[in-house]
């Protein structure tokens, strides 16, 4: 059974940084589609960043220039580096690998 486990969420002040990790218990390959989504309270889940074939990368307009998605295929891990965090970035962040989802990790941006 495929397991996707996110970690790295925390409470951080506006302008701060966090690095989220997503570990998968199977070998991940470059052609896999991997992505981060988030869901704020009372809102629908939304796309944040995605990577496919190791180089096709997309970001939501709201995070461009602040967030970076990357992968470590040796460790079967997908990362989301988040800088200059804003209160509107608050939410549960989910990792999706192919069609498998993790349980999410909470990110709270507040002073």
Foldseek 3Di string as FASTA:
>chain_A
DKAKAKDWADEAAQQAKTKMKIAIPDQDDQQKKKFKWWDDPPGDIGGAKIHGSQPDIDGDPVQPPFWDWHDDRVRRMIMIIGGRDDQVVFGWMWMAIRHDIHPTDGHGYHD
